[in-house]
Amino acid sequence: MHRFVPRLTLAALAFAVLPVAAQDEVRTVSNGGVHVQGWRGQVDPSEAARGHTIENARFAAEAGGFKVTTGPASVFWNTAERASGNYVVKATFTEPEYMNVNDHPHPYGIVIGGSDLGTENARYLYCAAYGNGTYIMRGFGPAPFQLNGRRGEANAAINKAAGKGQPVTQEIAVSVHGDQVSCSINGTQVGSWPKSEVVGEGKLLSTDGFYGVRFAHNTDGIVKGLTLQKH
């Protein structure tokens, strides 16, 4: 009796022997923590699970704005500032030296809809740009959720760094108007979603809430002009 053994394609065999990509080692920033009065910070749940705290990142005032240095991926917000109803939150982000401590781009951007920040129940939504011309729209609820895919997407409006170590700047804005939540980068709307995809079970409690900024791990940036505008 012959036993049938399925044949693997070359592609499948190649995949089977590929090593699992190592997760980036997260650096520890010197003199870390939040150094601006009224502001707080929190690392991503996955970073906290690896033993990181906000003391391994740094948020400080600089040149009329803020200098952010991570460390673990982190969100920062002002405990006295909340947005509600129809609004726009925007800021200008500069990465002085693109990928200065990475071999691939990392994102940074605007946070809205923050609730229970600083706790294990934290929820928020963010739109973040990369210096290679792509962006992501994602959120944290009981678990992370994605609005434009795991790898995000490219848009011609998003600036690209000339090369590693070169500066790149993005103006990022997240708006809530009626039933829509939108992200604009450098004056162009790059994505818009109905609130039903943002608020609900496993997602935000509301688009009302704290706002601020988020930086991925091992990223250095300057934030200027963080403002809230009511519609």
Protein backbone atom coordinates (compact mmCIF):
# COMPACT_ATOMS: atom_id res chain seq x y z
CA MET A 1 0.00 0.00 0.00
CA HIS A 2 1.43 3.34 -1.04
CA ARG A 3 1.11 6.21 1.35
CA PHE A 4 0.63 9.64 -0.25
CA VAL A 5 3.09 12.28 0.92
CA PRO A 6 2.32 15.83 -0.26
CA ARG A 7 5.14 17.55 -2.12
CA LEU A 8 6.28 20.92 -0.90
CA THR A 9 6.98 23.58 -3.45
CA LEU A 10 10.37 25.24 -3.48
CA ALA A 11 8.73 28.41 -2.19
CA ALA A 12 7.19 26.55 0.73
CA LEU A 13 10.50 24.89 1.53
CA ALA A 14 12.26 28.22 1.44
CA PHE A 15 9.67 29.71 3.75
CA ALA A 16 9.97 26.79 6.13
CA VAL A 17 13.67 27.39 6.68
CA LEU A 18 13.54 31.18 6.93
CA PRO A 19 14.65 32.39 10.36
CA VAL A 20 12.18 34.36 12.43
CA ALA A 21 13.07 38.06 12.33
CA ALA A 22 14.41 39.26 15.63
CA GLN A 23 12.49 42.01 17.36
CA ASP A 24 14.34 45.31 17.52
CA GLU A 25 16.32 45.78 20.69
CA VAL A 26 14.83 48.75 22.52
CA ARG A 27 17.39 51.23 23.79
CA THR A 28 17.26 52.86 27.21
CA VAL A 29 17.39 56.65 27.04
CA SER A 30 19.52 58.51 29.56
CA ASN A 31 17.80 60.96 31.93
CA GLY A 32 14.47 59.53 30.81
CA GLY A 33 10.94 60.29 31.86
CA VAL A 34 8.56 63.20 31.27
CA HIS A 35 10.16 66.58 31.95
CA VAL A 36 7.30 68.95 31.05
CA GLN A 37 4.90 70.05 33.77
CA GLY A 38 1.36 68.77 33.31
CA TRP A 39 2.36 66.06 30.85
CA ARG A 40 2.44 62.32 31.32
CA GLY A 41 3.63 59.37 29.26
CA GLN A 42 2.97 55.66 28.87
CA VAL A 43 4.75 52.92 26.96
CA ASP A 44 2.89 50.52 24.67
CA PRO A 45 1.52 47.36 26.33
CA SER A 46 3.98 45.18 24.41
CA GLU A 47 6.86 47.30 25.70
CA ALA A 48 5.55 47.17 29.26
CA ALA A 49 5.38 43.38 28.98
CA ARG A 50 9.11 43.41 28.20
CA GLY A 51 9.82 45.37 31.37
CA HIS A 52 10.06 48.87 29.91
CA THR A 53 8.65 51.98 31.58
CA ILE A 54 8.34 55.61 30.53
CA GLU A 55 11.64 56.20 32.34
CA ASN A 56 13.30 54.47 29.37
CA ALA A 57 12.06 57.25 27.03
CA ARG A 58 12.32 61.04 27.31
CA PHE A 59 9.87 63.90 26.71
CA ALA A 60 11.24 67.40 27.27
CA ALA A 61 10.64 71.01 26.23
CA GLU A 62 12.85 72.33 23.43
CA ALA A 63 12.81 75.38 21.14
CA GLY A 64 9.16 76.26 21.59
CA GLY A 65 8.06 72.65 21.30
CA PHE A 66 8.98 69.22 22.57
CA LYS A 67 11.86 66.84 22.01
CA VAL A 68 10.90 63.18 22.10
CA THR A 69 13.46 60.42 22.44
CA THR A 70 12.45 56.76 22.59
CA GLY A 71 13.32 54.06 23.94
CA PRO A 72 10.15 52.05 24.09
CA ALA A 73 7.21 53.12 21.89
CA SER A 74 5.35 55.73 23.92
CA VAL A 75 2.37 58.07 24.00
CA PHE A 76 2.49 61.50 25.67
CA TRP A 77 -0.42 63.73 26.68
CA ASN A 78 -1.26 66.81 28.74
CA THR A 79 -3.52 65.86 31.63
CA ALA A 80 -5.36 69.21 31.40
CA GLU A 81 -6.10 69.07 27.66
CA ARG A 82 -9.03 67.20 26.14
CA ALA A 83 -10.83 67.41 22.80
CA SER A 84 -14.55 66.90 22.25
CA GLY A 85 -17.18 67.28 19.54
CA ASN A 86 -15.85 68.38 16.16
CA TYR A 87 -12.17 69.31 16.22
CA VAL A 88 -8.73 69.15 14.61
CA VAL A 89 -5.51 68.31 16.44
CA LYS A 90 -2.34 69.07 14.51
CA ALA A 91 1.40 69.44 14.94
CA THR A 92 4.61 69.53 12.93
CA PHE A 93 7.02 66.62 13.43
CA THR A 94 10.68 66.74 12.45
CA GLU A 95 12.98 63.74 12.46
CA PRO A 96 16.39 65.49 12.44
CA GLU A 97 18.29 62.35 11.43
CA TYR A 98 16.10 59.83 9.65
CA MET A 99 16.64 56.28 10.94
CA ASN A 100 19.57 57.47 13.07
CA VAL A 101 19.37 54.38 15.30
CA ASN A 102 17.34 52.05 13.05
CA ASP A 103 17.77 50.03 9.88
CA HIS A 104 14.13 50.72 8.87
CA PRO A 105 11.75 53.70 9.29
CA HIS A 106 9.70 54.20 12.44
CA PRO A 107 6.54 56.36 12.72
CA TYR A 108 5.39 59.29 14.86
CA GLY A 109 2.17 61.26 14.93
CA ILE A 110 -1.01 62.62 16.53
CA VAL A 111 -3.09 60.88 19.21
CA ILE A 112 -6.81 61.50 19.88
CA GLY A 113 -9.63 59.89 21.84
CA GLY A 114 -7.49 59.00 24.82
CA SER A 115 -9.23 57.39 27.79
CA ASP A 116 -7.85 55.64 30.88
CA LEU A 117 -4.37 56.73 29.80
CA GLY A 118 -1.69 55.66 32.20
CA THR A 119 -3.53 52.44 33.02
CA GLU A 120 -3.67 48.97 31.50
CA ASN A 121 -7.09 49.93 30.07
CA ALA A 122 -5.70 52.81 27.96
CA ARG A 123 -7.45 53.48 24.65
CA TYR A 124 -6.46 55.93 21.93
CA LEU A 125 -6.28 56.40 18.17
CA TYR A 126 -3.27 57.72 16.26
CA CYS A 127 -2.21 58.74 12.78
CA ALA A 128 1.54 58.52 12.25
CA ALA A 129 3.89 59.16 9.33
CA TYR A 130 7.13 57.50 8.31
CA GLY A 131 10.02 59.30 6.65
CA ASN A 132 9.72 56.99 3.64
CA GLY A 133 6.39 58.41 2.41
CA THR A 134 3.95 56.08 4.17
CA TYR A 135 1.55 56.40 7.10
CA ILE A 136 -0.52 54.29 9.47
CA MET A 137 -3.84 54.86 11.23
CA ARG A 138 -4.11 52.60 14.27
CA GLY A 139 -5.53 52.42 17.74
CA PHE A 140 -5.28 50.76 21.11
CA GLY A 141 -8.31 49.35 22.87
CA PRO A 142 -8.38 46.11 24.81
CA ALA A 143 -6.05 45.09 21.96
CA PRO A 144 -4.41 47.01 19.08
CA PHE A 145 -6.58 47.60 15.99
CA GLN A 146 -5.70 48.76 12.47
CA LEU A 147 -7.55 51.00 10.03
CA ASN A 148 -5.29 50.97 6.98
CA GLY A 149 -3.52 47.66 7.21
CA ARG A 150 -0.63 46.16 9.09
CA ARG A 151 1.99 47.96 7.03
CA GLY A 152 0.05 51.16 6.35
CA GLU A 153 0.14 52.75 2.92
CA ALA A 154 2.02 55.26 0.80
CA ASN A 155 0.79 58.68 -0.24
CA ALA A 156 2.51 61.24 -2.45
CA ALA A 157 1.76 64.00 0.08
CA ILE A 158 4.04 62.45 2.69
CA ASN A 159 7.59 63.74 2.66
CA LYS A 160 10.52 61.38 2.16
CA ALA A 161 13.92 61.82 3.73
CA ALA A 162 16.75 62.24 1.21
CA GLY A 163 18.55 59.38 2.93
CA LYS A 164 19.53 57.88 6.25
CA GLY A 165 20.67 60.58 8.66
CA GLN A 166 18.91 63.33 6.70
CA PRO A 167 16.09 65.50 8.12
CA VAL A 168 12.44 65.03 7.23
CA THR A 169 9.39 67.00 8.39
CA GLN A 170 5.66 66.22 8.33
CA GLU A 171 2.65 68.26 9.36
CA ILE A 172 0.08 65.82 10.69
CA ALA A 173 -3.54 66.57 11.58
CA VAL A 174 -6.35 64.33 12.85
CA SER A 175 -9.87 65.68 12.62
CA VAL A 176 -13.28 64.64 13.88
CA HIS A 177 -16.21 66.09 11.97
CA GLY A 178 -19.70 64.66 12.11
CA ASP A 179 -19.45 60.92 11.49
CA GLN A 180 -15.93 61.01 10.02
CA VAL A 181 -12.45 60.71 11.52
CA SER A 182 -9.74 61.79 9.11
CA CYS A 183 -5.97 62.11 8.90
CA SER A 184 -4.24 64.77 6.82
CA ILE A 185 -0.50 64.99 6.21
CA ASN A 186 1.14 68.08 4.75
CA GLY A 187 -2.24 69.53 3.90
CA THR A 188 -3.63 66.50 2.06
CA GLN A 189 -6.25 64.15 3.48
CA VAL A 190 -4.67 60.72 3.28
CA GLY A 191 -7.48 58.73 4.91
CA SER A 192 -10.96 58.99 6.40
CA TRP A 193 -13.13 56.50 8.28
CA PRO A 194 -16.63 56.50 9.77
CA LYS A 195 -16.78 56.63 13.55
CA SER A 196 -18.25 53.12 13.53
CA GLU A 197 -14.77 51.83 12.58
CA VAL A 198 -13.11 53.79 15.38
CA VAL A 199 -15.56 53.70 18.30
CA GLY A 200 -17.11 50.53 19.69
CA GLU A 201 -16.32 47.21 21.25
CA GLY A 202 -12.60 46.64 21.33
CA LYS A 203 -11.89 50.19 20.12
CA LEU A 204 -12.32 53.73 21.45
CA LEU A 205 -14.98 54.59 24.00
CA SER A 206 -15.44 57.90 22.17
CA THR A 207 -13.56 60.30 19.91
CA ASP A 208 -13.78 62.71 22.88
CA GLY A 209 -10.80 62.45 25.17
CA PHE A 210 -7.15 63.30 25.70
CA TYR A 211 -4.96 64.18 22.75
CA GLY A 212 -1.19 64.16 22.36
CA VAL A 213 1.60 62.50 20.40
CA ARG A 214 3.01 59.03 19.93
CA PHE A 215 6.47 57.89 18.82
CA ALA A 216 7.49 54.36 17.90
CA HIS A 217 10.48 52.80 19.62
CA ASN A 218 14.05 53.98 19.02
CA THR A 219 13.01 57.26 17.41
CA ASP A 220 14.15 60.85 17.90
CA GLY A 221 11.96 63.80 16.94
CA ILE A 222 10.92 67.39 17.52
CA VAL A 223 7.23 68.35 17.87
CA LYS A 224 6.12 71.94 17.31
CA GLY A 225 2.77 73.70 17.08
CA LEU A 226 0.66 71.06 18.81
CA THR A 227 -2.77 72.71 18.80
CA LEU A 228 -6.45 71.91 19.16
CA GLN A 229 -8.89 73.74 16.89
CA LYS A 230 -12.64 73.46 17.31
CA HIS A 231 -14.80 73.23 14.18
